[in-house]
Amino acid sequence: MAFDREIEIFIRDYVKDLNEGTAAIFAGAGMSIPAGFVNWQELMSEIAFDLGLDVNVESDLVSLAQFHVNENRTKSKVCRKILEEFVGETEETDNHRILARLPISSVWTTNYDELIEKAFLAEGKVPDTKHNIKQLLSNKPKRDVVIFKMHGDVSCSAEAIITKEQYEQYHQTHEPFINALTGELTTKTFLFLGFSFTDPNLDYVLSRLNFRYSEDKKQHYCITKRTVLGDCNNPDKATFDYNSRKQELIINDLKRYGIKTLLVSDYKEITEILSEIESRFKKRTIFISGSAEVYEPYEKQESIEFIHKLSRALIESNYRIVNGFGWGVGSSVINGALEAIYSKPLKYSDSQLILRPFPQFKTGKKDLSELWDEYRHKMISLSGISIFIFGNKNSDGEVVIAGGVIREFEISHSLGNICIPVASTRHAAQEIYEKILPSIGEYYQDQNMAKKYLNRLSDAEVSLDEKVKDLIDFISDLTK
């Protein structure tokens, strides 16, 4: 979909941060509400009733919690409310799932629930959750993401930060969290989601960063819903005008902290923006599918050199490569990629080559074919573009089309990958080309551009060296 200029610029810049490993997320209550959890007002409604107050009238909800503790000399009921409201069989939202699929190394949140952890676990990633100071002193082995829960976790509701006194003392009781957040805000690009910017702890950190770094502060972003006349918060023109003006002032104030606000008309647009970020990031990862018992119509050596040069060119163009080590193809992919990486180790990285050799023995109750299909799904899901070359195998002494390559095309298309067959290498690649061409609109947005490249890749008169350049140019056009 088309985005306005500011959101388009943000998407481009944030994808760059993801590629460089400097992207971070700060999740507020608005991230969890769509999953069925309560907001702060709903959480404190019973507490307000106990105090003889109306939660709909009160704006300082932190003080409500403090009033309750003052009256009862215990916060046991407040802790019980956290347990009641944030323990349940709720499912993570699409936004949680998208974020968990991205290479985000740190997530900060003021939420008590465990939705973020569940989302990363569901993606096969290892989250290292920090909700108290002692946890900051040790790291979980093989962790993929660190989740900093500034205000505690539902599993330890007695330690949750919820009263005014706890907020006031936070800079002393939780100084390591503030120091860690300060460090990340100066080195990473944060995207704030579901956050109202009324949290005193975050305000404390942001204000000191603003004082310390002034004009040199890091650029951060938040996405928020613009004030809309007629919604539940703006039932009449007077309320709408008031809230619009207040939103303008808040947006302008956030600029002091280097936070740029991106306005959307509906919360579903946030999911669309995150989906676009994921799509563009994944397009920087190329899955090379293929196998070759024979290389006709080309000579074996020139075919191997073609695969080698293509792999090297992709690395040198700053793409990542995913490969399952296909017969007759995988070695050349690896050699080409490593040649580029080792020739300029300060420019290219080992992380640009992702190898997923297929398991050769059944595991548990799953037979090998079922295991391979699952494996293909996981491997291809890491990428956004799939290239298909050759695709043949030896079956009882006869060279036949490799069914595995055809299956990888089917999975690639089902996952939304852009599929590029090099049809001149024949076999599965040619079959895929013949399937795509009659219904090219299902595979490419710009059909004319795609036809131009696909036809050159199918033309035997175009040399393999020229095809390497065509593929790089084609992918470059697709990722603009």
Protein backbone atom coordinates (compact mmCIF):
# COMPACT_ATOMS: atom_id res chain seq x y z
CA MET A 1 0.00 0.00 0.00
CA ALA A 2 0.99 3.64 -0.40
CA PHE A 3 2.11 5.54 2.69
CA ASP A 4 2.45 9.26 3.21
CA ARG A 5 5.92 10.75 2.85
CA GLU A 6 6.84 10.83 6.55
CA ILE A 7 5.84 7.21 7.14
CA GLU A 8 7.62 6.13 3.95
CA ILE A 9 10.83 7.82 5.14
CA PHE A 10 10.47 6.18 8.55
CA ILE A 11 9.99 2.71 7.02
CA ARG A 12 13.12 3.09 4.89
CA ASP A 13 15.21 4.33 7.80
CA TYR A 14 13.94 1.72 10.26
CA VAL A 15 14.64 -1.12 7.80
CA LYS A 16 18.22 0.21 7.61
CA ASP A 17 18.40 0.09 11.40
CA LEU A 18 17.14 -3.50 11.36
CA ASN A 19 19.81 -4.43 8.84
CA GLU A 20 22.46 -2.78 11.01
CA GLY A 21 21.17 -4.36 14.24
CA THR A 22 20.33 -1.02 15.88
CA ALA A 23 16.52 -1.19 15.98
CA ALA A 24 14.65 -1.38 19.30
CA ILE A 25 11.03 -1.34 20.46
CA PHE A 26 9.35 0.34 23.42
CA ALA A 27 5.93 -1.19 24.04
CA GLY A 28 3.24 0.50 26.09
CA ALA A 29 -0.17 -0.65 27.31
CA GLY A 30 -1.70 0.02 23.90
CA MET A 31 0.19 -3.00 22.55
CA SER A 32 -1.60 -5.38 24.92
CA ILE A 33 -5.12 -3.94 24.97
CA PRO A 34 -6.12 -5.45 21.58
CA ALA A 35 -5.18 -8.88 22.97
CA GLY A 36 -7.86 -8.49 25.64
CA PHE A 37 -5.93 -7.03 28.55
CA VAL A 38 -7.22 -4.02 30.46
CA ASN A 39 -5.88 -0.49 30.27
CA TRP A 40 -4.78 1.43 33.32
CA GLN A 41 -8.19 2.98 33.85
CA GLU A 42 -9.89 -0.42 33.88
CA LEU A 43 -7.18 -1.83 36.14
CA MET A 44 -7.75 0.92 38.70
CA SER A 45 -11.56 1.10 38.55
CA GLU A 46 -12.14 -1.18 41.56
CA ILE A 47 -9.37 0.55 43.51
CA ALA A 48 -11.04 3.92 42.85
CA PHE A 49 -14.41 2.54 43.95
CA ASP A 50 -12.89 1.34 47.24
CA LEU A 51 -11.66 4.89 47.83
CA GLY A 52 -15.03 6.40 47.07
CA LEU A 53 -13.73 8.00 43.86
CA ASP A 54 -14.77 7.82 40.21
CA VAL A 55 -12.04 6.45 37.96
CA ASN A 56 -13.60 8.27 35.00
CA VAL A 57 -13.01 11.59 36.72
CA GLU A 58 -9.48 10.91 37.94
CA SER A 59 -6.56 11.48 35.57
CA ASP A 60 -3.66 10.68 37.92
CA LEU A 61 -4.09 6.92 38.20
CA VAL A 62 -0.69 6.41 39.82
CA SER A 63 -1.90 8.52 42.73
CA LEU A 64 -5.00 6.34 43.02
CA ALA A 65 -2.79 3.34 43.71
CA GLN A 66 -0.87 5.39 46.26
CA PHE A 67 -4.08 6.55 47.96
CA HIS A 68 -5.18 2.93 48.30
CA VAL A 69 -1.87 1.93 49.89
CA ASN A 70 -2.06 4.95 52.24
CA GLU A 71 -5.53 3.95 53.36
CA ASN A 72 -4.85 0.24 53.80
CA ARG A 73 -1.10 0.20 54.59
CA THR A 74 -0.66 -2.59 52.07
CA LYS A 75 -0.73 -2.94 48.32
CA SER A 76 -1.87 -6.56 48.39
CA LYS A 77 -5.15 -5.78 46.66
CA VAL A 78 -3.37 -3.83 43.94
CA CYS A 79 -1.04 -6.79 43.41
CA ARG A 80 -4.00 -9.15 43.30
CA LYS A 81 -5.62 -7.00 40.63
CA ILE A 82 -2.50 -7.29 38.51
CA LEU A 83 -2.62 -11.08 38.85
CA GLU A 84 -6.34 -11.20 38.07
CA GLU A 85 -6.12 -9.00 35.00
CA PHE A 86 -2.83 -10.06 33.43
CA VAL A 87 -2.88 -13.82 33.89
CA GLY A 88 -4.99 -15.57 31.30
CA GLU A 89 -5.05 -17.53 28.07
CA THR A 90 -4.79 -14.53 25.78
CA GLU A 91 -3.08 -14.72 22.41
CA GLU A 92 -0.51 -12.29 21.14
CA THR A 93 -1.64 -9.89 18.40
CA ASP A 94 -0.43 -9.63 14.80
CA ASN A 95 1.77 -6.73 15.91
CA HIS A 96 3.46 -8.92 18.51
CA ARG A 97 4.01 -11.67 15.94
CA ILE A 98 5.51 -9.33 13.34
CA LEU A 99 7.89 -7.78 15.86
CA ALA A 100 8.97 -11.23 17.03
CA ARG A 101 9.91 -12.17 13.46
CA LEU A 102 12.14 -9.12 13.08
CA PRO A 103 15.82 -9.12 14.19
CA ILE A 104 15.18 -6.88 17.20
CA SER A 105 17.71 -7.50 19.95
CA SER A 106 16.02 -5.50 22.72
CA VAL A 107 12.47 -4.66 23.71
CA TRP A 108 11.53 -2.29 26.51
CA THR A 109 8.08 -2.26 28.06
CA THR A 110 6.12 -0.94 31.01
CA ASN A 111 3.59 -3.77 30.66
CA TYR A 112 3.22 -6.55 33.22
CA ASP A 113 1.87 -9.22 30.82
CA GLU A 114 3.91 -11.88 29.04
CA LEU A 115 2.64 -11.43 25.49
CA ILE A 116 5.96 -10.25 24.08
CA GLU A 117 7.85 -13.21 25.53
CA LYS A 118 5.24 -15.64 24.15
CA ALA A 119 5.49 -14.09 20.68
CA PHE A 120 9.27 -14.57 20.54
CA LEU A 121 9.02 -18.11 21.89
CA ALA A 122 6.44 -18.95 19.22
CA GLU A 123 9.00 -17.89 16.60
CA GLY A 124 11.57 -20.25 18.07
CA LYS A 125 13.59 -17.43 19.61
CA VAL A 126 15.04 -17.30 23.12
CA PRO A 127 13.90 -14.25 25.14
CA ASP A 128 15.94 -13.11 28.14
CA THR A 129 13.49 -11.25 30.38
CA LYS A 130 14.70 -8.69 32.93
CA HIS A 131 12.14 -7.45 35.43
CA ASN A 132 14.34 -6.96 38.48
CA ILE A 133 17.87 -5.70 39.11
CA LYS A 134 19.37 -9.12 39.91
CA GLN A 135 18.36 -10.37 36.46
CA LEU A 136 20.46 -7.63 34.87
CA LEU A 137 23.57 -9.28 36.31
CA SER A 138 23.26 -12.51 34.33
CA ASN A 139 22.45 -13.42 30.74
CA LYS A 140 20.47 -16.34 29.42
CA PRO A 141 22.59 -18.55 27.12
CA LYS A 142 21.86 -18.34 23.38
CA ARG A 143 19.39 -15.51 23.86
CA ASP A 144 17.95 -13.81 20.79
CA VAL A 145 16.31 -10.82 22.45
CA VAL A 146 16.45 -9.04 25.80
CA ILE A 147 13.07 -7.93 27.15
CA PHE A 148 13.40 -5.18 29.77
CA LYS A 149 10.23 -4.93 31.88
CA MET A 150 10.77 -1.64 33.69
CA HIS A 151 7.74 -1.94 35.95
CA GLY A 152 7.92 -5.61 36.77
CA ASP A 153 6.20 -8.79 35.67
CA VAL A 154 2.91 -10.48 36.46
CA SER A 155 4.87 -13.45 37.82
CA CYS A 156 6.16 -11.19 40.64
CA SER A 157 3.22 -8.85 41.16
CA ALA A 158 4.43 -7.89 44.67
CA GLU A 159 7.42 -6.17 43.06
CA ALA A 160 5.40 -4.33 40.40
CA ILE A 161 5.95 -0.59 40.11
CA ILE A 162 2.49 0.91 40.46
CA THR A 163 2.26 3.45 43.29
CA LYS A 164 3.33 7.08 43.26
CA GLU A 165 5.94 6.47 45.93
CA GLN A 166 7.52 3.71 43.83
CA TYR A 167 7.69 6.03 40.83
CA GLU A 168 9.28 8.75 42.96
CA GLN A 169 11.96 6.38 44.24
CA TYR A 170 12.54 4.56 40.94
CA HIS A 171 15.73 6.44 40.06
CA GLN A 172 17.24 5.06 43.29
CA THR A 173 15.65 1.62 43.53
CA HIS A 174 16.02 0.81 39.82
CA GLU A 175 18.97 2.92 38.75
CA PRO A 176 20.52 0.09 36.66
CA PHE A 177 17.37 0.00 34.50
CA ILE A 178 17.59 3.75 33.91
CA ASN A 179 21.27 3.49 33.04
CA ALA A 180 20.61 0.62 30.63
CA LEU A 181 17.75 2.48 28.94
CA THR A 182 19.86 5.62 28.71
CA GLY A 183 22.59 3.66 26.95
CA GLU A 184 20.17 2.09 24.47
CA LEU A 185 18.45 5.40 23.70
CA THR A 186 21.82 6.81 22.69
CA THR A 187 22.87 3.87 20.49
CA LYS A 188 19.66 2.45 19.01
CA THR A 189 16.64 3.72 17.12
CA PHE A 190 13.47 3.19 19.16
CA LEU A 191 9.96 2.74 17.86
CA PHE A 192 7.41 3.54 20.56
CA LEU A 193 4.16 1.59 20.17
CA GLY A 194 1.05 1.82 22.35
CA PHE A 195 2.69 4.42 24.55
CA SER A 196 1.08 7.59 25.90
CA PHE A 197 4.27 9.34 27.11
CA THR A 198 2.80 10.03 30.53
CA ASP A 199 5.14 7.60 32.31
CA PRO A 200 7.30 9.51 34.82
CA ASN A 201 10.20 7.04 34.54
CA LEU A 202 10.54 7.47 30.80
CA ASP A 203 10.12 11.21 31.18
CA TYR A 204 12.98 11.19 33.70
CA VAL A 205 15.34 9.44 31.26
CA LEU A 206 14.31 11.44 28.20
CA SER A 207 14.65 14.78 29.96
CA ARG A 208 18.19 14.00 31.12
CA LEU A 209 19.19 12.75 27.68
CA ASN A 210 17.83 15.96 26.21
CA PHE A 211 19.88 18.01 28.66
CA ARG A 212 23.05 15.97 28.11
CA TYR A 213 23.04 15.63 24.33
CA SER A 214 20.93 18.56 23.18
CA GLU A 215 21.09 18.66 19.35
CA ASP A 216 23.13 15.43 19.11
CA LYS A 217 20.40 13.13 20.38
CA LYS A 218 19.38 9.97 18.50
CA GLN A 219 16.28 10.06 16.27
CA HIS A 220 13.39 7.94 17.59
CA TYR A 221 9.80 7.41 16.41
CA CYS A 222 6.36 6.81 17.80
CA ILE A 223 3.17 5.87 16.01
CA THR A 224 -0.09 7.22 17.37
CA LYS A 225 -3.67 7.63 16.23
CA ARG A 226 -4.61 11.14 15.19
CA THR A 227 -7.59 12.82 16.82
CA VAL A 228 -10.70 11.96 14.82
CA LEU A 229 -14.06 13.73 15.09
CA GLY A 230 -16.88 11.37 16.01
CA ASP A 231 -14.89 8.61 17.70
CA CYS A 232 -15.48 7.63 21.33
CA ASN A 233 -13.00 10.24 22.61
CA ASN A 234 -14.22 13.08 20.40
CA PRO A 235 -18.02 12.95 20.27
CA ASP A 236 -18.47 16.65 19.43
CA LYS A 237 -16.63 19.49 17.69
CA ALA A 238 -15.59 21.26 20.88
CA THR A 239 -13.99 18.14 22.36
CA PHE A 240 -12.34 17.35 19.03
CA ASP A 241 -10.83 20.85 18.74
CA TYR A 242 -9.53 20.68 22.30
CA ASN A 243 -7.97 17.22 21.91
CA SER A 244 -6.51 18.12 18.50
CA ARG A 245 -4.76 21.12 19.96
CA LYS A 246 -3.46 19.08 22.89
CA GLN A 247 -2.16 16.41 20.51
CA GLU A 248 -0.30 19.07 18.52
CA LEU A 249 1.37 20.34 21.68
CA ILE A 250 2.39 16.84 22.80
CA ILE A 251 3.82 16.04 19.36
CA ASN A 252 5.83 19.23 19.38
CA ASP A 253 7.08 18.58 22.92
CA LEU A 254 8.30 15.09 21.97
CA LYS A 255 10.60 16.67 19.41
CA ARG A 256 12.69 17.94 22.34
CA TYR A 257 13.59 14.31 23.00
CA GLY A 258 14.30 13.46 19.37
CA ILE A 259 11.01 11.56 19.03
CA LYS A 260 9.17 12.06 15.75
CA THR A 261 5.46 11.29 15.81
CA LEU A 262 3.83 9.46 12.92
CA LEU A 263 0.06 9.87 12.81
CA VAL A 264 -2.34 7.20 11.56
CA SER A 265 -6.11 7.40 11.15
CA ASP A 266 -6.79 3.89 12.43
CA TYR A 267 -4.91 1.49 14.66
CA LYS A 268 -4.95 -1.18 11.93
CA GLU A 269 -2.56 1.06 9.97
CA ILE A 270 0.09 0.27 12.57
CA THR A 271 -0.11 -3.40 11.58
CA GLU A 272 0.15 -2.38 7.91
CA ILE A 273 3.26 -0.31 8.63
CA LEU A 274 4.89 -3.13 10.61
CA SER A 275 4.00 -5.61 7.85
CA GLU A 276 5.64 -3.35 5.27
CA ILE A 277 8.76 -3.07 7.44
CA GLU A 278 8.92 -6.87 7.67
CA SER A 279 8.37 -7.26 3.93
CA ARG A 280 11.11 -4.81 3.00
CA PHE A 281 13.53 -6.26 5.51
CA LYS A 282 12.96 -9.79 4.22
CA LYS A 283 13.51 -8.67 0.63
CA ARG A 284 17.12 -8.09 1.61
CA THR A 285 17.36 -11.86 2.16
CA ILE A 286 17.49 -14.04 -0.95
CA PHE A 287 16.66 -17.74 -0.91
CA ILE A 288 18.53 -19.65 -3.63
CA SER A 289 16.68 -22.84 -4.56
CA GLY A 290 18.12 -25.42 -6.92
CA SER A 291 19.72 -28.78 -7.43
CA ALA A 292 21.69 -30.15 -10.35
CA GLU A 293 22.63 -33.63 -11.38
CA VAL A 294 23.29 -32.19 -14.85
CA TYR A 295 23.80 -28.58 -15.95
CA GLU A 296 22.62 -28.72 -19.55
CA PRO A 297 22.26 -26.72 -21.73
CA TYR A 298 25.42 -25.31 -20.11
CA GLU A 299 28.76 -26.86 -19.31
CA LYS A 300 29.26 -27.89 -15.70
CA GLN A 301 32.14 -25.51 -15.08
CA GLU A 302 30.43 -22.42 -16.46
CA SER A 303 27.29 -23.32 -14.46
CA ILE A 304 29.27 -23.62 -11.23
CA GLU A 305 30.99 -20.31 -11.99
CA PHE A 306 27.57 -18.70 -12.63
CA ILE A 307 26.26 -19.80 -9.24
CA HIS A 308 29.53 -18.72 -7.61
CA LYS A 309 29.43 -15.26 -9.24
CA LEU A 310 25.74 -14.78 -8.45
CA SER A 311 26.27 -15.61 -4.78
CA ARG A 312 29.27 -13.31 -4.57
CA ALA A 313 27.42 -10.47 -6.32
CA LEU A 314 24.49 -10.77 -3.89
CA ILE A 315 26.81 -10.45 -0.87
CA GLU A 316 28.62 -7.52 -2.48
CA SER A 317 25.25 -5.85 -3.04
CA ASN A 318 24.63 -6.19 0.73
CA TYR A 319 21.97 -8.88 0.51
CA ARG A 320 21.76 -11.94 2.74
CA ILE A 321 21.61 -15.44 1.26
CA VAL A 322 19.64 -18.42 2.56
CA ASN A 323 20.48 -21.82 1.11
CA GLY A 324 19.61 -25.42 1.90
CA PHE A 325 22.79 -26.84 0.36
CA GLY A 326 21.08 -28.32 -2.71
CA TRP A 327 22.91 -31.05 -4.62
CA GLY A 328 25.28 -29.62 -7.20
CA VAL A 329 24.38 -26.03 -6.25
CA GLY A 330 24.99 -25.49 -2.53
CA SER A 331 28.79 -25.68 -2.60
CA SER A 332 29.03 -22.97 -5.26
CA VAL A 333 26.63 -20.73 -3.32
CA ILE A 334 28.75 -21.09 -0.20
CA ASN A 335 32.06 -20.56 -1.98
CA GLY A 336 30.87 -17.45 -3.80
CA ALA A 337 29.42 -15.90 -0.64
CA LEU A 338 32.49 -16.67 1.46
CA GLU A 339 34.82 -15.32 -1.19
CA ALA A 340 33.05 -11.96 -0.97
CA ILE A 341 32.90 -12.02 2.83
CA TYR A 342 36.53 -12.95 3.36
CA SER A 343 37.81 -10.54 0.72
CA LYS A 344 36.41 -7.59 2.71
CA PRO A 345 35.62 -8.78 6.26
CA LEU A 346 35.14 -5.23 7.51
CA LYS A 347 32.48 -4.56 4.88
CA TYR A 348 30.67 -7.90 4.64
CA SER A 349 29.65 -10.26 7.43
CA ASP A 350 29.32 -14.01 8.03
CA SER A 351 25.72 -13.27 9.04
CA GLN A 352 24.94 -12.58 5.36
CA LEU A 353 25.17 -16.31 4.64
CA ILE A 354 22.50 -18.46 6.29
CA LEU A 355 22.92 -22.18 5.70
CA ARG A 356 20.19 -24.72 6.44
CA PRO A 357 21.38 -28.19 5.34
CA PHE A 358 18.49 -30.65 5.26
CA PRO A 359 18.23 -33.32 7.99
CA GLN A 360 18.99 -36.80 6.68
CA PHE A 361 17.23 -38.93 9.31
CA LYS A 362 13.71 -38.92 10.70
CA THR A 363 13.13 -37.26 14.06
CA GLY A 364 10.64 -38.65 16.55
CA LYS A 365 7.32 -39.58 14.95
CA LYS A 366 7.80 -37.42 11.85
CA ASP A 367 8.92 -39.12 8.67
CA LEU A 368 11.60 -37.48 6.55
CA SER A 369 9.24 -35.97 3.95
CA GLU A 370 7.17 -34.25 6.65
CA LEU A 371 10.31 -33.04 8.37
CA TRP A 372 11.68 -31.64 5.09
CA ASP A 373 8.46 -29.77 4.38
CA GLU A 374 8.53 -28.10 7.80
CA TYR A 375 12.20 -27.36 7.30
CA ARG A 376 11.53 -25.73 3.93
CA HIS A 377 8.84 -23.51 5.44
CA LYS A 378 11.14 -22.28 8.20
CA MET A 379 14.05 -21.72 5.84
CA ILE A 380 12.07 -19.87 3.17
CA SER A 381 10.25 -17.76 5.78
CA LEU A 382 13.57 -16.04 6.52
CA SER A 383 13.62 -14.54 3.02
CA GLY A 384 11.52 -12.27 0.83
CA ILE A 385 12.83 -13.22 -2.62
CA SER A 386 13.40 -16.72 -4.03
CA ILE A 387 15.66 -17.48 -7.01
CA PHE A 388 15.24 -20.83 -8.79
CA ILE A 389 18.07 -22.38 -10.85
CA PHE A 390 18.27 -25.73 -12.61
CA GLY A 391 16.21 -28.10 -10.44
CA ASN A 392 16.89 -31.65 -11.54
CA LYS A 393 17.92 -34.88 -9.85
CA ASN A 394 18.87 -38.46 -10.55
CA SER A 395 16.01 -40.92 -10.12
CA ASP A 396 16.96 -44.55 -10.81
CA GLY A 397 19.52 -43.50 -13.39
CA GLU A 398 17.20 -41.00 -15.09
CA VAL A 399 17.43 -37.20 -14.81
CA VAL A 400 14.05 -35.80 -13.72
CA ILE A 401 12.67 -32.52 -12.43
CA ALA A 402 13.44 -32.08 -8.73
CA GLY A 403 10.14 -32.12 -6.87
CA GLY A 404 11.79 -30.43 -3.90
CA VAL A 405 12.55 -27.32 -5.94
CA ILE A 406 8.94 -27.20 -7.20
CA ARG A 407 7.77 -27.53 -3.60
CA GLU A 408 10.06 -24.67 -2.57
CA PHE A 409 8.45 -22.54 -5.26
CA GLU A 410 4.98 -23.37 -3.94
CA ILE A 411 6.00 -22.53 -0.38
CA SER A 412 7.75 -19.33 -1.49
CA HIS A 413 4.63 -18.13 -3.31
CA SER A 414 2.36 -19.04 -0.39
CA LEU A 415 4.58 -17.03 1.99
CA GLY A 416 4.48 -13.99 -0.28
CA ASN A 417 8.03 -14.26 -1.61
CA ILE A 418 8.85 -12.78 -5.00
CA CYS A 419 9.80 -15.76 -7.19
CA ILE A 420 12.50 -15.41 -9.87
CA PRO A 421 13.16 -18.45 -12.07
CA VAL A 422 16.25 -18.51 -14.28
CA ALA A 423 14.39 -20.44 -16.98
CA SER A 424 17.37 -20.88 -19.29
CA THR A 425 18.78 -23.38 -16.76
CA ARG A 426 15.76 -25.56 -17.65
CA HIS A 427 14.18 -28.32 -15.57
CA ALA A 428 12.29 -27.02 -12.48
CA ALA A 429 13.34 -23.41 -13.15
CA GLN A 430 11.77 -23.56 -16.62
CA GLU A 431 8.60 -25.19 -15.30
CA ILE A 432 8.26 -22.44 -12.69
CA TYR A 433 8.75 -19.78 -15.39
CA GLU A 434 6.02 -21.36 -17.51
CA LYS A 435 3.68 -21.35 -14.53
CA ILE A 436 4.36 -17.71 -13.63
CA LEU A 437 4.19 -16.10 -17.06
CA PRO A 438 0.47 -16.69 -17.91
CA SER A 439 -0.63 -15.23 -14.55
CA ILE A 440 2.24 -12.83 -13.89
CA GLY A 441 -0.04 -10.36 -12.11
CA GLU A 442 -0.31 -12.85 -9.22
CA TYR A 443 3.45 -12.73 -8.75
CA TYR A 444 4.53 -9.16 -9.57
CA GLN A 445 3.09 -5.69 -9.10
CA ASP A 446 5.04 -4.23 -12.03
CA GLN A 447 4.26 -6.80 -14.72
CA ASN A 448 6.10 -5.08 -17.57
CA MET A 449 9.29 -4.75 -15.57
CA ALA A 450 9.06 -8.38 -14.46
CA LYS A 451 8.45 -9.68 -18.00
CA LYS A 452 11.52 -7.82 -19.26
CA TYR A 453 13.82 -9.48 -16.74
CA LEU A 454 12.17 -12.92 -16.77
CA ASN A 455 12.43 -13.07 -20.55
CA ARG A 456 16.14 -12.21 -20.45
CA LEU A 457 16.65 -14.88 -17.76
CA SER A 458 14.92 -17.40 -20.03
CA ASP A 459 16.90 -16.45 -23.14
CA ALA A 460 19.70 -18.93 -23.87
CA GLU A 461 21.39 -16.32 -26.06
CA VAL A 462 22.01 -14.12 -22.99
CA SER A 463 25.24 -15.29 -21.35
CA LEU A 464 25.30 -16.49 -17.76
CA ASP A 465 27.59 -13.60 -16.82
CA GLU A 466 24.98 -11.18 -18.17
CA LYS A 467 22.31 -13.03 -16.21
CA VAL A 468 24.18 -12.34 -12.98
CA LYS A 469 23.93 -8.62 -13.67
CA ASP A 470 20.28 -9.00 -14.75
CA LEU A 471 19.43 -10.73 -11.46
CA ILE A 472 21.13 -8.07 -9.36
CA ASP A 473 19.40 -5.30 -11.32
CA PHE A 474 16.04 -7.11 -11.10
CA ILE A 475 16.32 -7.53 -7.32
CA SER A 476 17.46 -3.92 -6.96
CA ASP A 477 14.36 -2.73 -8.83
CA LEU A 478 12.15 -4.95 -6.68
CA THR A 479 13.59 -3.59 -3.43
CA LYS A 480 13.45 0.13 -4.24
